[in-house]
Amino acid sequence: MSQLHRDEQEIRGAFEAGLLQQAPDSDKRQARHQHSAVAMCRKDARINIRLASKNLRDLREDP
């Protein structure tokens, strides 16, 4: 696991000690964030372009 910054270590320690409380509207927040993430990743637009085959090959090549 990667090393945590000091702030992250404090949060983790508080979590493990049971000092943190869940936000009252956490279910709504989680649903809203999940909806936003799904909407952001949705592929809902298409474009068509015409390219020279050499340019297409160049775009497909790994860097």
PDB file of N, CA and C in Angstrom:
ATOM      1  N   MET A   1       0.835  -1.181   0.000  1.00  0.00           N
ATOM      2  CA  MET A   1       0.000   0.000   0.000  1.00  0.00           C
ATOM      3  C   MET A   1       0.880   1.244   0.000  1.00  0.00           C
ATOM      4  N   SER A   2       0.425   2.289  -0.693  1.00  0.00           N
ATOM      5  CA  SER A   2       1.230   3.497  -0.760  1.00  0.00           C
ATOM      6  C   SER A   2       1.246   4.205   0.592  1.00  0.00           C
ATOM      7  N   GLN A   3       2.262   5.015   0.781  1.00  0.00           N
ATOM      8  CA  GLN A   3       2.372   5.734   2.046  1.00  0.00           C
ATOM      9  C   GLN A   3       1.340   6.846   2.098  1.00  0.00           C
ATOM     10  N   LEU A   4       0.820   7.075   3.270  1.00  0.00           N
ATOM     11  CA  LEU A   4      -0.190   8.110   3.460  1.00  0.00           C
ATOM     12  C   LEU A   4       0.455   9.387   3.976  1.00  0.00           C
ATOM     13  N   HIS A   5      -0.132  10.525   3.595  1.00  0.00           N
ATOM     14  CA  HIS A   5       0.320  11.811   4.128  1.00  0.00           C
ATOM     15  C   HIS A   5      -0.134  11.918   5.583  1.00  0.00           C
ATOM     16  N   ARG A   6       0.386  12.882   6.273  1.00  0.00           N
ATOM     17  CA  ARG A   6       0.076  13.053   7.696  1.00  0.00           C
ATOM     18  C   ARG A   6      -1.431  13.229   7.907  1.00  0.00           C
ATOM     19  N   ASP A   7      -2.080  14.057   7.081  1.00  0.00           N
ATOM     20  CA  ASP A   7      -3.527  14.264   7.222  1.00  0.00           C
ATOM     21  C   ASP A   7      -4.289  12.962   7.007  1.00  0.00           C
ATOM     22  N   GLU A   8      -3.859  12.197   6.028  1.00  0.00           N
ATOM     23  CA  GLU A   8      -4.527  10.927   5.743  1.00  0.00           C
ATOM     24  C   GLU A   8      -4.345   9.945   6.897  1.00  0.00           C
ATOM     25  N   GLN A   9      -3.166   9.959   7.491  1.00  0.00           N
ATOM     26  CA  GLN A   9      -2.910   9.087   8.637  1.00  0.00           C
ATOM     27  C   GLN A   9      -3.808   9.455   9.812  1.00  0.00           C
ATOM     28  N   GLU A  10      -4.024  10.767  10.019  1.00  0.00           N
ATOM     29  CA  GLU A  10      -4.895  11.205  11.106  1.00  0.00           C
ATOM     30  C   GLU A  10      -6.335  10.753  10.867  1.00  0.00           C
ATOM     31  N   ILE A  11      -6.791  10.875   9.636  1.00  0.00           N
ATOM     32  CA  ILE A  11      -8.153  10.450   9.305  1.00  0.00           C
ATOM     33  C   ILE A  11      -8.286   8.946   9.488  1.00  0.00           C
ATOM     34  N   ARG A  12      -7.314   8.205   9.017  1.00  0.00           N
ATOM     35  CA  ARG A  12      -7.354   6.749   9.164  1.00  0.00           C
ATOM     36  C   ARG A  12      -7.359   6.343  10.633  1.00  0.00           C
ATOM     37  N   GLY A  13      -6.531   7.009  11.436  1.00  0.00           N
ATOM     38  CA  GLY A  13      -6.490   6.713  12.863  1.00  0.00           C
ATOM     39  C   GLY A  13      -7.823   6.992  13.538  1.00  0.00           C
ATOM     40  N   ALA A  14      -8.442   8.120  13.171  1.00  0.00           N
ATOM     41  CA  ALA A  14      -9.743   8.456  13.747  1.00  0.00           C
ATOM     42  C   ALA A  14     -10.795   7.444  13.313  1.00  0.00           C
ATOM     43  N   PHE A  15     -10.735   7.008  12.078  1.00  0.00           N
ATOM     44  CA  PHE A  15     -11.685   6.014  11.581  1.00  0.00           C
ATOM     45  C   PHE A  15     -11.531   4.703  12.338  1.00  0.00           C
ATOM     46  N   GLU A  16     -10.295   4.250  12.480  1.00  0.00           N
ATOM     47  CA  GLU A  16     -10.044   2.982  13.156  1.00  0.00           C
ATOM     48  C   GLU A  16     -10.407   3.057  14.646  1.00  0.00           C
ATOM     49  N   ALA A  17     -10.319   4.260  15.230  1.00  0.00           N
ATOM     50  CA  ALA A  17     -10.662   4.428  16.643  1.00  0.00           C
ATOM     51  C   ALA A  17     -12.171   4.616  16.842  1.00  0.00           C
ATOM     52  N   GLY A  18     -12.912   4.711  15.759  1.00  0.00           N
ATOM     53  CA  GLY A  18     -14.359   4.886  15.863  1.00  0.00           C
ATOM     54  C   GLY A  18     -14.777   6.304  16.210  1.00  0.00           C
ATOM     55  N   LEU A  19     -13.923   7.273  15.935  1.00  0.00           N
ATOM     56  CA  LEU A  19     -14.211   8.666  16.269  1.00  0.00           C
ATOM     57  C   LEU A  19     -14.986   9.404  15.182  1.00  0.00           C
ATOM     58  N   LEU A  20     -15.087   8.825  14.012  1.00  0.00           N
ATOM     59  CA  LEU A  20     -15.779   9.490  12.907  1.00  0.00           C
ATOM     60  C   LEU A  20     -17.240   9.066  12.873  1.00  0.00           C
ATOM     61  N   GLN A  21     -18.099  10.017  12.488  1.00  0.00           N
ATOM     62  CA  GLN A  21     -19.520   9.730  12.364  1.00  0.00           C
ATOM     63  C   GLN A  21     -19.938   9.909  10.912  1.00  0.00           C
ATOM     64  N   GLN A  22     -20.923   9.134  10.497  1.00  0.00           N
ATOM     65  CA  GLN A  22     -21.435   9.222   9.152  1.00  0.00           C
ATOM     66  C   GLN A  22     -22.317  10.462   9.030  1.00  0.00           C
ATOM     67  N   ALA A  23     -22.209  11.152   7.894  1.00  0.00           N
ATOM     68  CA  ALA A  23     -23.041  12.335   7.655  1.00  0.00           C
ATOM     69  C   ALA A  23     -24.505  11.922   7.603  1.00  0.00           C
ATOM     70  N   PRO A  24     -25.411  12.782   8.081  1.00  0.00           N
ATOM     71  CA  PRO A  24     -26.827  12.415   8.118  1.00  0.00           C
ATOM     72  C   PRO A  24     -27.425  12.130   6.736  1.00  0.00           C
ATOM     73  N   ASP A  25     -26.927  12.791   5.711  1.00  0.00           N
ATOM     74  CA  ASP A  25     -27.474  12.600   4.362  1.00  0.00           C
ATOM     75  C   ASP A  25     -26.512  11.809   3.466  1.00  0.00           C
ATOM     76  N   SER A  26     -25.735  10.918   4.061  1.00  0.00           N
ATOM     77  CA  SER A  26     -24.708  10.208   3.303  1.00  0.00           C
ATOM     78  C   SER A  26     -25.288   9.325   2.200  1.00  0.00           C
ATOM     79  N   ASP A  27     -26.473   8.752   2.424  1.00  0.00           N
ATOM     80  CA  ASP A  27     -27.083   7.922   1.385  1.00  0.00           C
ATOM     81  C   ASP A  27     -27.424   8.755   0.154  1.00  0.00           C
ATOM     82  N   LYS A  28     -27.966   9.963   0.385  1.00  0.00           N
ATOM     83  CA  LYS A  28     -28.290  10.853  -0.733  1.00  0.00           C
ATOM     84  C   LYS A  28     -27.028  11.300  -1.453  1.00  0.00           C
ATOM     85  N   ARG A  29     -26.004  11.633  -0.687  1.00  0.00           N
ATOM     86  CA  ARG A  29     -24.739  12.063  -1.289  1.00  0.00           C
ATOM     87  C   ARG A  29     -24.135  10.951  -2.138  1.00  0.00           C
ATOM     88  N   GLN A  30     -24.135   9.740  -1.600  1.00  0.00           N
ATOM     89  CA  GLN A  30     -23.561   8.615  -2.326  1.00  0.00           C
ATOM     90  C   GLN A  30     -24.319   8.381  -3.632  1.00  0.00           C
ATOM     91  N   ALA A  31     -25.654   8.426  -3.577  1.00  0.00           N
ATOM     92  CA  ALA A  31     -26.463   8.226  -4.781  1.00  0.00           C
ATOM     93  C   ALA A  31     -26.188   9.323  -5.803  1.00  0.00           C
ATOM     94  N   ARG A  32     -26.073  10.567  -5.330  1.00  0.00           N
ATOM     95  CA  ARG A  32     -25.805  11.687  -6.238  1.00  0.00           C
ATOM     96  C   ARG A  32     -24.437  11.538  -6.911  1.00  0.00           C
ATOM     97  N   HIS A  33     -23.423  11.183  -6.133  1.00  0.00           N
ATOM     98  CA  HIS A  33     -22.078  11.020  -6.690  1.00  0.00           C
ATOM     99  C   HIS A  33     -22.017   9.830  -7.652  1.00  0.00           C
ATOM    100  N   GLN A  34     -22.728   8.777  -7.309  1.00  0.00           N
ATOM    101  CA  GLN A  34     -22.745   7.606  -8.186  1.00  0.00           C
ATOM    102  C   GLN A  34     -23.430   7.950  -9.505  1.00  0.00           C
ATOM    103  N   HIS A  35     -24.532   8.684  -9.451  1.00  0.00           N
ATOM    104  CA  HIS A  35     -25.239   9.110 -10.656  1.00  0.00           C
ATOM    105  C   HIS A  35     -24.333  10.000 -11.516  1.00  0.00           C
ATOM    106  N   SER A  36     -23.617  10.913 -10.883  1.00  0.00           N
ATOM    107  CA  SER A  36     -22.707  11.796 -11.610  1.00  0.00           C
ATOM    108  C   SER A  36     -21.590  11.012 -12.288  1.00  0.00           C
ATOM    109  N   ALA A  37     -21.056  10.022 -11.592  1.00  0.00           N
ATOM    110  CA  ALA A  37     -19.967   9.216 -12.163  1.00  0.00           C
ATOM    111  C   ALA A  37     -20.453   8.424 -13.373  1.00  0.00           C
ATOM    112  N   VAL A  38     -21.636   7.856 -13.272  1.00  0.00           N
ATOM    113  CA  VAL A  38     -22.189   7.093 -14.403  1.00  0.00           C
ATOM    114  C   VAL A  38     -22.429   8.024 -15.581  1.00  0.00           C
ATOM    115  N   ALA A  39     -23.009   9.202 -15.326  1.00  0.00           N
ATOM    116  CA  ALA A  39     -23.290  10.155 -16.398  1.00  0.00           C
ATOM    117  C   ALA A  39     -22.008  10.637 -17.059  1.00  0.00           C
ATOM    118  N   MET A  40     -20.957  10.809 -16.285  1.00  0.00           N
ATOM    119  CA  MET A  40     -19.695  11.299 -16.839  1.00  0.00           C
ATOM    120  C   MET A  40     -19.041  10.265 -17.747  1.00  0.00           C
ATOM    121  N   CYS A  41     -19.202   9.004 -17.427  1.00  0.00           N
ATOM    122  CA  CYS A  41     -18.547   7.944 -18.188  1.00  0.00           C
ATOM    123  C   CYS A  41     -19.390   7.443 -19.362  1.00  0.00           C
ATOM    124  N   ARG A  42     -20.621   7.912 -19.474  1.00  0.00           N
ATOM    125  CA  ARG A  42     -21.506   7.455 -20.543  1.00  0.00           C
ATOM    126  C   ARG A  42     -21.015   7.985 -21.887  1.00  0.00           C
ATOM    127  N   LYS A  43     -20.981   7.104 -22.856  1.00  0.00           N
ATOM    128  CA  LYS A  43     -20.602   7.493 -24.214  1.00  0.00           C
ATOM    129  C   LYS A  43     -21.890   7.747 -24.972  1.00  0.00           C
ATOM    130  N   ASP A  44     -22.268   9.015 -25.084  1.00  0.00           N
ATOM    131  CA  ASP A  44     -23.553   9.333 -25.683  1.00  0.00           C
ATOM    132  C   ASP A  44     -23.436  10.213 -26.933  1.00  0.00           C
ATOM    133  N   ALA A  45     -22.255  10.350 -27.458  1.00  0.00           N
ATOM    134  CA  ALA A  45     -22.075  11.156 -28.667  1.00  0.00           C
ATOM    135  C   ALA A  45     -21.110  10.443 -29.607  1.00  0.00           C
ATOM    136  N   ARG A  46     -21.327  10.644 -30.864  1.00  0.00           N
ATOM    137  CA  ARG A  46     -20.457  10.036 -31.863  1.00  0.00           C
ATOM    138  C   ARG A  46     -20.043  11.091 -32.876  1.00  0.00           C
ATOM    139  N   ILE A  47     -18.875  10.893 -33.450  1.00  0.00           N
ATOM    140  CA  ILE A  47     -18.443  11.750 -34.541  1.00  0.00           C
ATOM    141  C   ILE A  47     -17.894  10.868 -35.644  1.00  0.00           C
ATOM    142  N   ASN A  48     -18.019  11.326 -36.847  1.00  0.00           N
ATOM    143  CA  ASN A  48     -17.427  10.653 -37.994  1.00  0.00           C
ATOM    144  C   ASN A  48     -16.440  11.610 -38.626  1.00  0.00           C
ATOM    145  N   ILE A  49     -15.246  11.125 -38.889  1.00  0.00           N
ATOM    146  CA  ILE A  49     -14.241  11.944 -39.557  1.00  0.00           C
ATOM    147  C   ILE A  49     -13.604  11.126 -40.655  1.00  0.00           C
ATOM    148  N   ARG A  50     -13.147  11.795 -41.635  1.00  0.00           N
ATOM    149  CA  ARG A  50     -12.451  11.131 -42.732  1.00  0.00           C
ATOM    150  C   ARG A  50     -10.962  11.447 -42.586  1.00  0.00           C
ATOM    151  N   LEU A  51     -10.159  10.383 -42.632  1.00  0.00           N
ATOM    152  CA  LEU A  51      -8.713  10.524 -42.477  1.00  0.00           C
ATOM    153  C   LEU A  51      -8.014   9.770 -43.586  1.00  0.00           C
ATOM    154  N   ALA A  52      -6.824  10.214 -43.877  1.00  0.00           N
ATOM    155  CA  ALA A  52      -5.959   9.439 -44.752  1.00  0.00           C
ATOM    156  C   ALA A  52      -5.547   8.187 -43.979  1.00  0.00           C
ATOM    157  N   SER A  53      -5.425   7.067 -44.658  1.00  0.00           N
ATOM    158  CA  SER A  53      -5.116   5.808 -43.975  1.00  0.00           C
ATOM    159  C   SER A  53      -3.794   5.887 -43.215  1.00  0.00           C
ATOM    160  N   LYS A  54      -2.825   6.634 -43.729  1.00  0.00           N
ATOM    161  CA  LYS A  54      -1.556   6.783 -43.013  1.00  0.00           C
ATOM    162  C   LYS A  54      -1.776   7.475 -41.673  1.00  0.00           C
ATOM    163  N   ASN A  55      -2.598   8.508 -41.655  1.00  0.00           N
ATOM    164  CA  ASN A  55      -2.874   9.208 -40.395  1.00  0.00           C
ATOM    165  C   ASN A  55      -3.595   8.300 -39.407  1.00  0.00           C
ATOM    166  N   LEU A  56      -4.500   7.482 -39.902  1.00  0.00           N
ATOM    167  CA  LEU A  56      -5.197   6.547 -39.027  1.00  0.00           C
ATOM    168  C   LEU A  56      -4.223   5.538 -38.430  1.00  0.00           C
ATOM    169  N   ARG A  57      -3.324   5.031 -39.253  1.00  0.00           N
ATOM    170  CA  ARG A  57      -2.306   4.092 -38.746  1.00  0.00           C
ATOM    171  C   ARG A  57      -1.447   4.769 -37.682  1.00  0.00           C
ATOM    172  N   ASP A  58      -1.075   6.031 -37.924  1.00  0.00           N
ATOM    173  CA  ASP A  58      -0.265   6.755 -36.947  1.00  0.00           C
ATOM    174  C   ASP A  58      -1.008   6.932 -35.619  1.00  0.00           C
ATOM    175  N   LEU A  59      -2.316   7.181 -35.687  1.00  0.00           N
ATOM    176  CA  LEU A  59      -3.094   7.333 -34.474  1.00  0.00           C
ATOM    177  C   LEU A  59      -3.230   6.031 -33.711  1.00  0.00           C
ATOM    178  N   ARG A  60      -3.276   4.922 -34.414  1.00  0.00           N
ATOM    179  CA  ARG A  60      -3.444   3.616 -33.774  1.00  0.00           C
ATOM    180  C   ARG A  60      -2.162   3.077 -33.172  1.00  0.00           C
ATOM    181  N   GLU A  61      -1.018   3.572 -33.598  1.00  0.00           N
ATOM    182  CA  GLU A  61       0.259   3.073 -33.086  1.00  0.00           C
ATOM    183  C   GLU A  61       0.442   3.432 -31.624  1.00  0.00           C
ATOM    184  N   ASP A  62       1.071   2.519 -30.890  1.00  0.00           N
ATOM    185  CA  ASP A  62       1.400   2.794 -29.490  1.00  0.00           C
ATOM    186  C   ASP A  62       2.545   3.783 -29.451  1.00  0.00           C
ATOM    187  N   PRO A  63       2.532   4.673 -28.463  1.00  0.00           N
ATOM    188  CA  PRO A  63       3.621   5.663 -28.347  1.00  0.00           C
ATOM    189  C   PRO A  63       4.946   5.023 -27.982  1.00  0.00           C
TER     190      PRO A  63
END
